[in-house]
Amino acid sequence: MSQRFRGKVWQVLLPDGWRASSGGDDVIKLVWLWNPEGVGQIRVLSRIEKEAPLLGDRGEDFHGNLRGQTHEHSGRTIFTRHWTLFCRNQRIHVTY
């Protein structure tokens, strides 16, 4: 049965078999999502900032419910996808 994992301003519905672990405090929170029988993991780092964060110039605009940017990196044996999303004064950085 799938389970819901919640951050302060985001949530995800984990598929069957997926696990979640988290650490941090009220300002910075790090969450790992993974499937023990799969490959890779998803990391979600959220950080509260004093002011609304500004967009950078790296990557392309994210087209979803939050504003932000996305970019990818690949090498011989690695592929990563990054999303930097913003919700009010919270920056959410997702890496797969």
N, C-alpha and C. Protein backbone atom coordinates (compact mmCIF):
# COMPACT_ATOMS: atom_id res chain seq x y z
N MET A 1 0.84 -1.17 0.00
CA MET A 1 0.00 0.00 0.00
C MET A 1 0.89 1.25 0.00
N SER A 2 0.57 2.23 -0.81
CA SER A 2 1.37 3.44 -0.89
C SER A 2 1.19 4.27 0.40
N GLN A 3 2.19 5.10 0.67
CA GLN A 3 2.12 5.95 1.86
C GLN A 3 2.44 7.38 1.47
N ARG A 4 1.90 8.32 2.22
CA ARG A 4 2.12 9.74 1.96
C ARG A 4 3.22 10.24 2.90
N PHE A 5 4.19 10.96 2.33
CA PHE A 5 5.25 11.59 3.12
C PHE A 5 5.11 13.09 2.93
N ARG A 6 5.14 13.85 4.03
CA ARG A 6 4.89 15.29 3.96
C ARG A 6 6.07 16.09 4.49
N GLY A 7 6.38 17.16 3.75
CA GLY A 7 7.27 18.21 4.24
C GLY A 7 6.39 19.36 4.69
N LYS A 8 6.99 20.50 5.00
CA LYS A 8 6.18 21.65 5.43
C LYS A 8 5.32 22.21 4.30
N VAL A 9 5.87 22.29 3.08
CA VAL A 9 5.12 22.88 1.97
C VAL A 9 5.00 21.92 0.78
N TRP A 10 5.36 20.65 0.96
CA TRP A 10 5.27 19.70 -0.14
C TRP A 10 4.88 18.34 0.43
N GLN A 11 4.42 17.48 -0.45
CA GLN A 11 4.11 16.10 -0.07
C GLN A 11 4.28 15.20 -1.27
N VAL A 12 4.50 13.95 -1.01
CA VAL A 12 4.66 12.97 -2.09
C VAL A 12 3.95 11.69 -1.67
N LEU A 13 3.35 11.04 -2.64
CA LEU A 13 2.72 9.74 -2.42
C LEU A 13 3.72 8.69 -2.88
N LEU A 14 4.30 7.95 -1.93
CA LEU A 14 5.31 6.95 -2.25
C LEU A 14 4.67 5.68 -2.79
N PRO A 15 5.19 5.14 -3.89
CA PRO A 15 4.68 3.86 -4.39
C PRO A 15 4.97 2.73 -3.41
N ASP A 16 4.28 1.63 -3.57
CA ASP A 16 4.52 0.45 -2.74
C ASP A 16 6.00 0.09 -2.75
N GLY A 17 6.54 -0.24 -1.58
CA GLY A 17 7.91 -0.68 -1.47
C GLY A 17 8.92 0.44 -1.28
N TRP A 18 8.53 1.69 -1.51
CA TRP A 18 9.46 2.81 -1.34
C TRP A 18 9.60 3.15 0.13
N ARG A 19 10.76 3.72 0.49
CA ARG A 19 11.06 4.10 1.86
C ARG A 19 11.40 5.59 1.92
N ALA A 20 11.28 6.16 3.11
CA ALA A 20 11.63 7.57 3.33
C ALA A 20 12.38 7.69 4.64
N SER A 21 13.34 8.60 4.66
CA SER A 21 14.10 8.91 5.86
C SER A 21 14.35 10.41 5.85
N SER A 22 14.38 11.02 7.04
CA SER A 22 14.58 12.47 7.06
C SER A 22 15.42 12.89 8.26
N GLY A 23 15.96 14.09 8.15
CA GLY A 23 16.74 14.69 9.23
C GLY A 23 16.74 16.19 9.06
N GLY A 24 17.18 16.88 10.06
CA GLY A 24 17.26 18.33 9.98
C GLY A 24 16.50 18.99 11.11
N ASP A 25 16.20 20.27 10.90
CA ASP A 25 15.51 21.05 11.91
C ASP A 25 14.43 21.91 11.26
N ASP A 26 14.00 22.98 11.95
CA ASP A 26 12.93 23.82 11.42
C ASP A 26 13.36 24.70 10.25
N VAL A 27 14.67 24.91 10.06
CA VAL A 27 15.16 25.78 8.99
C VAL A 27 15.58 24.96 7.77
N ILE A 28 16.34 23.89 8.00
CA ILE A 28 16.82 23.05 6.90
C ILE A 28 16.36 21.62 7.15
N LYS A 29 15.76 21.02 6.14
CA LYS A 29 15.26 19.64 6.25
C LYS A 29 15.75 18.85 5.05
N LEU A 30 16.30 17.66 5.28
CA LEU A 30 16.75 16.78 4.21
C LEU A 30 15.97 15.48 4.27
N VAL A 31 15.43 15.07 3.13
CA VAL A 31 14.62 13.85 3.04
C VAL A 31 15.19 12.98 1.92
N TRP A 32 15.33 11.70 2.18
CA TRP A 32 15.75 10.72 1.17
C TRP A 32 14.56 9.81 0.88
N LEU A 33 14.31 9.55 -0.40
CA LEU A 33 13.26 8.63 -0.85
C LEU A 33 13.92 7.60 -1.74
N TRP A 34 13.64 6.33 -1.52
CA TRP A 34 14.27 5.29 -2.33
C TRP A 34 13.45 4.01 -2.31
N ASN A 35 13.72 3.18 -3.31
CA ASN A 35 13.16 1.83 -3.40
C ASN A 35 14.30 0.85 -3.15
N PRO A 36 14.26 0.08 -2.06
CA PRO A 36 15.36 -0.84 -1.75
C PRO A 36 15.65 -1.84 -2.88
N GLU A 37 14.69 -2.10 -3.72
CA GLU A 37 14.88 -3.05 -4.82
C GLU A 37 15.15 -2.34 -6.14
N GLY A 38 15.32 -1.02 -6.10
CA GLY A 38 15.52 -0.25 -7.32
C GLY A 38 16.90 0.37 -7.38
N VAL A 39 17.05 1.31 -8.30
CA VAL A 39 18.32 2.00 -8.52
C VAL A 39 18.11 3.49 -8.26
N GLY A 40 19.05 4.12 -7.58
CA GLY A 40 19.00 5.55 -7.36
C GLY A 40 18.17 5.93 -6.15
N GLN A 41 18.19 7.22 -5.88
CA GLN A 41 17.40 7.77 -4.80
C GLN A 41 17.00 9.20 -5.14
N ILE A 42 15.98 9.68 -4.47
CA ILE A 42 15.55 11.05 -4.62
C ILE A 42 15.86 11.76 -3.30
N ARG A 43 16.54 12.90 -3.39
CA ARG A 43 16.83 13.70 -2.21
C ARG A 43 16.08 15.02 -2.31
N VAL A 44 15.45 15.41 -1.20
CA VAL A 44 14.72 16.67 -1.15
C VAL A 44 15.31 17.49 -0.01
N LEU A 45 15.91 18.62 -0.34
CA LEU A 45 16.47 19.52 0.65
C LEU A 45 15.62 20.78 0.65
N SER A 46 15.01 21.10 1.77
CA SER A 46 14.21 22.32 1.85
C SER A 46 14.83 23.24 2.88
N ARG A 47 14.79 24.52 2.57
CA ARG A 47 15.43 25.51 3.42
C ARG A 47 14.57 26.76 3.48
N ILE A 48 14.32 27.23 4.69
CA ILE A 48 13.57 28.48 4.87
C ILE A 48 14.58 29.63 4.81
N GLU A 49 14.26 30.64 4.02
CA GLU A 49 15.13 31.80 3.87
C GLU A 49 14.42 33.04 4.39
N LYS A 50 15.17 34.06 4.76
CA LYS A 50 14.58 35.27 5.33
C LYS A 50 13.71 36.01 4.33
N GLU A 51 14.10 35.95 3.06
CA GLU A 51 13.33 36.59 2.00
C GLU A 51 13.05 35.57 0.91
N ALA A 52 12.11 35.88 0.06
CA ALA A 52 11.83 34.98 -1.06
C ALA A 52 13.08 34.84 -1.92
N PRO A 53 13.52 33.61 -2.23
CA PRO A 53 14.73 33.42 -3.02
C PRO A 53 14.56 33.89 -4.46
N LEU A 54 15.67 34.27 -5.07
CA LEU A 54 15.67 34.69 -6.46
C LEU A 54 16.02 33.52 -7.36
N LEU A 55 15.48 33.53 -8.57
CA LEU A 55 15.84 32.51 -9.55
C LEU A 55 17.25 32.77 -10.05
N GLY A 56 17.99 31.71 -10.33
CA GLY A 56 19.32 31.83 -10.90
C GLY A 56 19.23 31.82 -12.42
N ASP A 57 20.37 31.67 -13.06
CA ASP A 57 20.37 31.64 -14.52
C ASP A 57 20.80 30.27 -15.04
N ARG A 58 20.76 29.25 -14.20
CA ARG A 58 21.18 27.91 -14.60
C ARG A 58 19.96 27.05 -14.89
N GLY A 59 19.91 26.44 -16.03
CA GLY A 59 18.84 25.53 -16.36
C GLY A 59 17.67 26.19 -17.06
N GLU A 60 16.62 25.42 -17.19
CA GLU A 60 15.41 25.89 -17.86
C GLU A 60 14.31 26.07 -16.84
N ASP A 61 13.33 26.88 -17.18
CA ASP A 61 12.22 27.11 -16.26
C ASP A 61 11.45 25.82 -16.03
N PHE A 62 11.04 25.62 -14.77
CA PHE A 62 10.22 24.47 -14.40
C PHE A 62 8.78 24.82 -14.72
N HIS A 63 8.05 23.89 -15.32
CA HIS A 63 6.65 24.10 -15.68
C HIS A 63 5.79 23.20 -14.80
N GLY A 64 5.37 23.73 -13.67
CA GLY A 64 4.56 22.98 -12.73
C GLY A 64 3.84 23.94 -11.80
N ASN A 65 3.40 23.44 -10.66
CA ASN A 65 2.64 24.27 -9.72
C ASN A 65 3.51 25.28 -8.97
N LEU A 66 4.81 25.04 -8.86
CA LEU A 66 5.73 25.97 -8.19
C LEU A 66 6.63 26.61 -9.22
N ARG A 67 7.14 27.80 -8.92
CA ARG A 67 8.11 28.40 -9.83
C ARG A 67 9.48 27.83 -9.51
N GLY A 68 10.35 27.79 -10.50
CA GLY A 68 11.69 27.27 -10.28
C GLY A 68 12.37 26.92 -11.59
N GLN A 69 13.46 26.18 -11.46
CA GLN A 69 14.25 25.78 -12.62
C GLN A 69 14.66 24.33 -12.48
N THR A 70 15.03 23.73 -13.61
CA THR A 70 15.49 22.36 -13.63
C THR A 70 16.68 22.24 -14.59
N HIS A 71 17.58 21.33 -14.28
CA HIS A 71 18.69 21.03 -15.18
C HIS A 71 19.16 19.61 -14.92
N GLU A 72 19.94 19.08 -15.84
CA GLU A 72 20.45 17.71 -15.68
C GLU A 72 21.94 17.68 -15.93
N HIS A 73 22.55 16.63 -15.42
CA HIS A 73 23.98 16.40 -15.60
C HIS A 73 24.17 14.92 -15.91
N SER A 74 25.00 14.62 -16.88
CA SER A 74 25.28 13.20 -17.18
C SER A 74 26.76 13.04 -17.48
N GLY A 75 27.26 11.89 -17.13
CA GLY A 75 28.64 11.51 -17.40
C GLY A 75 28.66 10.09 -17.91
N ARG A 76 29.80 9.45 -17.86
CA ARG A 76 29.89 8.08 -18.39
C ARG A 76 29.00 7.10 -17.64
N THR A 77 28.95 7.21 -16.32
CA THR A 77 28.18 6.24 -15.54
C THR A 77 27.17 6.88 -14.60
N ILE A 78 26.87 8.16 -14.82
CA ILE A 78 25.98 8.85 -13.89
C ILE A 78 25.02 9.77 -14.64
N PHE A 79 23.83 9.87 -14.11
CA PHE A 79 22.84 10.82 -14.62
C PHE A 79 22.15 11.41 -13.40
N THR A 80 22.08 12.73 -13.32
CA THR A 80 21.34 13.39 -12.25
C THR A 80 20.44 14.45 -12.85
N ARG A 81 19.30 14.61 -12.22
CA ARG A 81 18.35 15.64 -12.59
C ARG A 81 18.12 16.49 -11.36
N HIS A 82 18.15 17.80 -11.50
CA HIS A 82 17.99 18.73 -10.39
C HIS A 82 16.78 19.62 -10.63
N TRP A 83 16.03 19.85 -9.59
CA TRP A 83 14.93 20.82 -9.61
C TRP A 83 15.16 21.76 -8.45
N THR A 84 15.13 23.06 -8.70
CA THR A 84 15.16 24.06 -7.63
C THR A 84 13.84 24.80 -7.71
N LEU A 85 13.03 24.61 -6.68
CA LEU A 85 11.66 25.13 -6.66
C LEU A 85 11.49 26.09 -5.50
N PHE A 86 10.54 27.01 -5.63
CA PHE A 86 10.33 28.03 -4.62
C PHE A 86 8.87 28.10 -4.23
N CYS A 87 8.63 28.21 -2.93
CA CYS A 87 7.29 28.40 -2.40
C CYS A 87 7.40 29.42 -1.27
N ARG A 88 6.93 30.63 -1.52
CA ARG A 88 7.08 31.75 -0.58
C ARG A 88 8.56 31.92 -0.21
N ASN A 89 8.92 31.77 1.06
CA ASN A 89 10.32 31.95 1.45
C ASN A 89 11.04 30.60 1.62
N GLN A 90 10.52 29.56 1.01
CA GLN A 90 11.14 28.25 1.12
C GLN A 90 11.72 27.81 -0.22
N ARG A 91 12.98 27.41 -0.19
CA ARG A 91 13.66 26.86 -1.37
C ARG A 91 13.66 25.33 -1.22
N ILE A 92 13.24 24.66 -2.29
CA ILE A 92 13.18 23.20 -2.28
C ILE A 92 14.06 22.70 -3.41
N HIS A 93 15.11 21.97 -3.05
CA HIS A 93 16.03 21.45 -4.07
C HIS A 93 15.87 19.93 -4.11
N VAL A 94 15.48 19.43 -5.27
CA VAL A 94 15.23 17.99 -5.46
C VAL A 94 16.29 17.45 -6.42
N THR A 95 16.88 16.32 -6.06
CA THR A 95 17.90 15.68 -6.89
C THR A 95 17.53 14.22 -7.08
N TYR A 96 17.60 13.75 -8.32
CA TYR A 96 17.44 12.33 -8.61
C TYR A 96 18.65 11.87 -9.38
